[in-house]
Amino acid sequence: MYKSATLLILVLTTSALVAGTFALLTIQKDIPGSGSIKGVGVGVYSDSTCSNPKSSIDFGLLEPGSQKDFTFYLRNEGNTNLSLSMTSNNWDPVEAGDYLSLTWDREGQQTYPGQVVSCVLTLSVSENIHDISNYIVTITITATG
């Protein structure tokens, strides 16, 4: 039988981000990151014992050309083995997807019922980012079995 579970992570920032180069002068501003996590069929936790459910994400301050790792734990809460995959989409504004990227370290990971796996999500900011003051992205982690 085919089962699918989806984890949605919404990342929303509220500060301005300006990057530009004028002669030898570089202007950079920090951008804070935050968001929400929703798990369906898999539990999302901030600790390996799965005693602290995770409902939000905070990437902290990021500058152009930087990246930030965010560690969380997924628990297979179903009754079958699952394979994990991740996509990021619905960038708003659409151009944000040209300058911000999300990756993780568990693509194709197999999990069995009750298993807990540590996951690292990485948000990278291009050093060429400009004209992005706020952004939203949907991160979908799919568990398929």
Protein backbone atom coordinates (compact mmCIF):
# COMPACT_ATOMS: atom_id res chain seq x y z
CA MET A 1 0.00 0.00 0.00
CA TYR A 2 1.27 3.52 -0.80
CA LYS A 3 1.25 6.02 2.01
CA SER A 4 2.38 9.61 1.85
CA ALA A 5 2.94 12.13 4.60
CA THR A 6 3.82 15.76 4.12
CA LEU A 7 5.66 18.22 6.36
CA LEU A 8 5.22 21.88 5.50
CA ILE A 9 7.66 24.49 6.76
CA LEU A 10 6.80 28.12 6.17
CA VAL A 11 9.64 30.60 6.38
CA LEU A 12 8.76 34.29 6.68
CA THR A 13 11.08 37.20 7.27
CA THR A 14 10.04 40.69 8.21
CA SER A 15 13.13 42.86 7.73
CA ALA A 16 14.66 44.54 4.73
CA LEU A 17 17.56 43.05 2.80
CA VAL A 18 19.65 45.31 0.64
CA ALA A 19 22.88 44.30 -1.08
CA GLY A 20 24.79 46.31 -3.62
CA THR A 21 28.27 47.26 -4.65
CA PHE A 22 29.22 50.83 -5.49
CA ALA A 23 32.90 51.20 -6.33
CA LEU A 24 34.62 49.70 -3.26
CA LEU A 25 31.64 50.11 -0.93
CA THR A 26 29.43 47.11 -0.10
CA ILE A 27 26.14 47.61 1.70
CA GLN A 28 24.70 44.66 3.60
CA LYS A 29 21.79 44.29 5.98
CA ASP A 30 20.91 41.35 8.18
CA ILE A 31 17.64 39.51 7.61
CA PRO A 32 15.99 37.57 10.41
CA GLY A 33 14.28 34.29 9.58
CA SER A 34 11.30 32.62 11.16
CA GLY A 35 8.49 30.30 10.19
CA SER A 36 6.07 27.55 11.10
CA ILE A 37 6.28 23.77 10.87
CA LYS A 38 3.38 21.41 10.30
CA GLY A 39 3.86 17.65 10.24
CA VAL A 40 1.41 15.10 8.81
CA GLY A 41 2.28 11.45 9.45
CA VAL A 42 5.68 12.37 10.83
CA GLY A 43 6.40 14.16 14.07
CA VAL A 44 8.64 17.23 14.08
CA TYR A 45 10.66 17.86 17.22
CA SER A 46 13.44 20.07 18.50
CA ASP A 47 15.08 17.24 20.47
CA SER A 48 16.14 13.65 19.79
CA THR A 49 13.91 12.26 22.56
CA CYS A 50 10.87 13.73 20.77
CA SER A 51 9.60 15.36 23.95
CA ASN A 52 9.48 18.91 22.52
CA PRO A 53 7.26 19.21 19.43
CA LYS A 54 8.52 21.85 17.02
CA SER A 55 5.96 24.32 15.68
CA SER A 56 8.19 27.16 14.50
CA ILE A 57 11.56 27.76 12.92
CA ASP A 58 13.98 30.65 13.38
CA PHE A 59 16.96 30.98 11.06
CA GLY A 60 18.27 33.99 12.99
CA LEU A 61 20.08 36.78 11.16
CA LEU A 62 21.46 36.15 7.69
CA GLU A 63 23.60 38.35 5.48
CA PRO A 64 24.13 38.18 1.72
CA GLY A 65 26.55 35.36 0.93
CA SER A 66 25.82 33.50 4.18
CA GLN A 67 24.01 30.32 5.13
CA LYS A 68 22.33 29.02 8.27
CA ASP A 69 21.72 25.43 9.39
CA PHE A 70 18.63 24.46 11.34
CA THR A 71 18.55 21.05 13.05
CA PHE A 72 15.30 19.29 13.90
CA TYR A 73 14.17 15.69 14.35
CA LEU A 74 11.57 13.70 12.44
CA ARG A 75 9.88 10.63 13.88
CA ASN A 76 8.13 8.14 11.64
CA GLU A 77 4.76 7.99 13.39
CA GLY A 78 3.19 5.61 10.89
CA ASN A 79 3.19 1.84 10.74
CA THR A 80 5.28 1.33 7.59
CA ASN A 81 8.77 2.12 6.34
CA LEU A 82 9.01 5.56 4.71
CA SER A 83 11.36 7.32 2.32
CA LEU A 84 11.97 11.06 2.90
CA SER A 85 12.24 13.79 0.27
CA MET A 86 12.17 17.61 0.36
CA THR A 87 11.23 20.40 -2.02
CA SER A 88 10.96 24.17 -1.64
CA ASN A 89 8.40 26.12 -3.63
CA ASN A 90 5.88 28.95 -3.62
CA TRP A 91 8.55 31.62 -3.14
CA ASP A 92 6.94 35.01 -2.57
CA PRO A 93 8.12 37.13 -4.16
CA VAL A 94 8.96 34.70 -6.95
CA GLU A 95 12.40 36.34 -7.36
CA ALA A 96 13.37 35.27 -3.83
CA GLY A 97 13.87 31.75 -5.20
CA ASP A 98 16.65 33.16 -7.41
CA TYR A 99 18.62 34.34 -4.36
CA LEU A 100 17.61 32.01 -1.50
CA SER A 101 17.92 28.23 -1.53
CA LEU A 102 16.98 25.47 0.87
CA THR A 103 18.66 22.08 1.06
CA TRP A 104 18.69 19.25 3.58
CA ASP A 105 20.72 16.18 4.43
CA ARG A 106 18.05 13.44 4.37
CA GLU A 107 17.01 13.11 0.72
CA GLY A 108 16.08 9.45 0.10
CA GLN A 109 16.58 8.49 3.77
CA GLN A 110 14.63 5.34 4.69
CA THR A 111 12.89 5.29 8.08
CA TYR A 112 10.99 2.56 9.87
CA PRO A 113 8.01 2.97 12.25
CA GLY A 114 9.03 4.80 15.41
CA GLN A 115 12.49 5.72 14.09
CA VAL A 116 13.82 9.20 14.84
CA VAL A 117 16.21 10.87 12.39
CA SER A 118 18.17 14.08 12.82
CA CYS A 119 17.68 16.48 9.89
CA VAL A 120 19.66 19.57 8.94
CA LEU A 121 17.91 22.15 6.79
CA THR A 122 20.24 24.77 5.27
CA LEU A 123 19.10 28.19 4.05
CA SER A 124 21.66 29.87 1.76
CA VAL A 125 21.56 33.53 0.69
CA SER A 126 23.23 34.62 -2.54
CA GLU A 127 25.78 37.40 -2.19
CA ASN A 128 24.01 39.07 -5.14
CA ILE A 129 20.60 39.34 -3.47
CA HIS A 130 18.82 42.65 -3.98
CA ASP A 131 15.33 44.16 -3.88
CA ILE A 132 14.03 41.47 -1.50
CA SER A 133 12.55 42.94 1.67
CA ASN A 134 10.26 40.07 2.77
CA TYR A 135 9.85 36.52 1.57
CA ILE A 136 7.80 33.42 2.14
CA VAL A 137 8.67 29.88 1.09
CA THR A 138 6.90 26.57 1.51
CA ILE A 139 9.14 23.62 2.33
CA THR A 140 7.51 20.26 1.77
CA ILE A 141 9.04 17.15 3.31
CA THR A 142 7.30 14.08 1.96
CA ALA A 143 7.44 10.69 3.65
CA THR A 144 6.39 7.97 1.22
CA GLY A 145 6.01 4.28 1.92
